Protein backbone atom coordinates (compact mmCIF):
# COMPACT_ATOMS: atom_id res chain seq x y z
CA UNK A 1 -12.91 3.16 7.37
CA UNK A 2 -10.56 3.57 10.32
CA UNK A 3 -7.51 5.77 9.85
CA UNK A 4 -4.22 4.02 10.41
CA UNK A 5 -1.52 5.82 12.31
CA UNK A 6 1.91 5.58 10.73
CA UNK A 7 5.20 5.94 12.57
CA UNK A 8 7.12 8.97 11.27
CA UNK A 9 10.35 8.06 9.47
CA UNK A 10 12.30 9.88 12.21
CA UNK A 11 11.40 7.10 14.65
CA UNK A 12 11.87 4.16 12.29
CA UNK A 13 15.02 2.01 12.42
CA UNK A 14 17.66 2.48 9.75
CA UNK A 15 20.54 0.24 8.72
CA UNK A 16 23.75 1.37 7.04
CA UNK A 17 26.27 -1.39 6.47
CA UNK A 18 26.81 -3.11 9.82
CA UNK A 19 25.36 -0.18 11.78
CA UNK A 20 21.70 -0.47 12.79
CA UNK A 21 20.04 2.47 14.54
CA UNK A 22 16.70 2.20 16.36
CA UNK A 23 15.75 5.69 15.20
CA UNK A 24 17.12 8.48 12.99
CA UNK A 25 17.90 11.02 15.70
CA UNK A 26 21.62 11.77 15.91
CA UNK A 27 23.00 13.76 18.85
CA UNK A 28 25.53 16.45 18.07
CA UNK A 29 28.84 16.82 19.94
CA UNK A 30 29.04 18.43 23.36
CA UNK A 31 30.81 21.80 23.44
CA UNK A 32 34.42 20.76 22.74
CA UNK A 33 35.83 23.76 24.59
CA UNK A 34 34.34 22.85 27.97
CA UNK A 35 36.90 20.42 29.35
CA UNK A 36 38.58 21.06 32.67
CA UNK A 37 42.04 22.54 32.13
CA UNK A 38 44.59 20.93 34.50
CA UNK A 39 46.89 22.06 32.47
CA UNK A 40 46.08 19.27 30.01
CA UNK A 41 42.36 19.33 29.30
CA UNK A 42 40.37 16.47 30.83
CA UNK A 43 36.78 15.59 29.88
CA UNK A 44 34.59 16.89 32.71
CA UNK A 45 31.54 15.38 34.38
CA UNK A 46 29.29 17.45 32.10
CA UNK A 47 30.48 15.50 29.06
CA UNK A 48 29.97 12.15 30.77
CA UNK A 49 26.45 13.18 31.80
CA UNK A 50 25.61 14.55 28.33
CA UNK A 51 26.65 11.38 26.50
CA UNK A 52 25.23 9.03 29.15
CA UNK A 53 21.80 10.65 28.86
CA UNK A 54 21.76 10.68 25.07
CA UNK A 55 23.28 7.23 24.69
CA UNK A 56 21.01 5.47 27.17
CA UNK A 57 18.77 4.11 24.40
CA UNK A 58 20.41 1.20 22.54
CA UNK A 59 20.82 1.83 18.84
CA UNK A 60 21.55 5.57 19.23
CA UNK A 61 24.32 7.23 17.21
CA UNK A 62 26.38 9.79 19.15
CA UNK A 63 28.94 12.03 17.51
CA UNK A 64 31.54 13.15 20.04
CA UNK A 65 33.82 16.14 19.93
CA UNK A 66 37.34 15.66 18.64
CA UNK A 67 40.23 14.91 20.95
CA UNK A 68 43.94 15.58 20.75
CA UNK A 69 46.14 12.47 20.61
CA UNK A 70 49.22 14.23 22.01
CA UNK A 71 50.20 17.48 23.71
CA UNK A 72 51.89 18.67 20.52
CA UNK A 73 48.76 17.93 18.48
CA UNK A 74 46.87 20.64 20.37
CA UNK A 75 46.00 24.16 19.37
CA UNK A 76 42.75 24.92 21.17
CA UNK A 77 42.36 25.53 24.89
CA UNK A 78 40.10 23.27 26.98
CA UNK A 79 39.70 20.59 24.29
CA UNK A 80 39.93 17.07 25.73
CA UNK A 81 42.90 14.89 24.94
CA UNK A 82 43.61 11.17 25.22
CA UNK A 83 47.35 11.19 25.95
CA UNK A 84 47.57 11.21 29.78
CA UNK A 85 45.92 8.95 32.37
CA UNK A 86 43.59 11.66 33.75
CA UNK A 87 42.18 12.30 30.27
CA UNK A 88 41.67 8.63 29.52
CA UNK A 89 39.94 8.07 32.89
CA UNK A 90 37.72 11.10 32.23
CA UNK A 91 36.60 9.73 28.87
CA UNK A 92 33.64 7.60 29.99
CA UNK A 93 32.28 7.37 26.47
CA UNK A 94 33.71 6.07 23.19
CA UNK A 95 35.79 8.52 21.20
CA UNK A 96 35.54 9.08 17.48
CA UNK A 97 38.87 8.61 15.75
CA UNK A 98 40.10 11.10 13.22
CA UNK A 99 38.60 14.06 11.46
CA UNK A 100 38.58 15.43 7.96
CA UNK A 101 40.18 18.76 8.80
CA UNK A 102 42.40 20.08 11.53
CA UNK A 103 42.32 23.66 12.80
CA UNK A 104 44.57 25.44 15.27
CA UNK A 105 44.28 28.69 17.17
CA UNK A 106 47.75 30.16 16.88
CA UNK A 107 47.29 32.57 19.78
CA UNK A 108 46.73 29.58 22.10
CA UNK A 109 49.98 28.04 20.90
CA UNK A 110 51.87 31.30 21.41
CA UNK A 111 50.43 31.72 24.91
CA UNK A 112 51.67 28.30 26.04
CA UNK A 113 54.84 28.42 23.88
CA UNK A 114 54.12 25.24 21.92
CA UNK A 115 54.86 23.97 18.46
CA UNK A 116 52.30 21.85 16.62
CA UNK A 117 53.15 18.35 15.41
CA UNK A 118 51.16 16.55 12.74
CA UNK A 119 49.00 13.71 14.03
CA UNK A 120 49.57 11.38 11.08
CA UNK A 121 51.32 11.01 7.74
CA UNK A 122 54.59 12.27 9.16
CA UNK A 123 57.97 11.07 7.89
CA UNK A 124 59.80 10.44 11.14
CA UNK A 125 63.00 9.81 9.25
């Protein structure tokens, strides 16, 4: 009797709601602290290359690093934002919106003399 070769589950398609993936390999985010600081961090060519390579196969799920939606929403150095034209032009890949938790490095804020503003759920009066 001939042995049949089965495809490992890792390489089988999977469907979750409206999302259908060709395989079960998920790429992790690029180093979020590697943007080019100009003084507002812009996604560099390394990020575009990283996501282009990993996203070249249709049906691949990529998880990108978080981005700041405004200057006042910052708190880490060299993290990309999406609030000035240079940042938006540098973002050659789709951005994930939102995150479950928000962290801030206070020493970065002190160094650049900034106050942090909430990114959502703010009573603007």
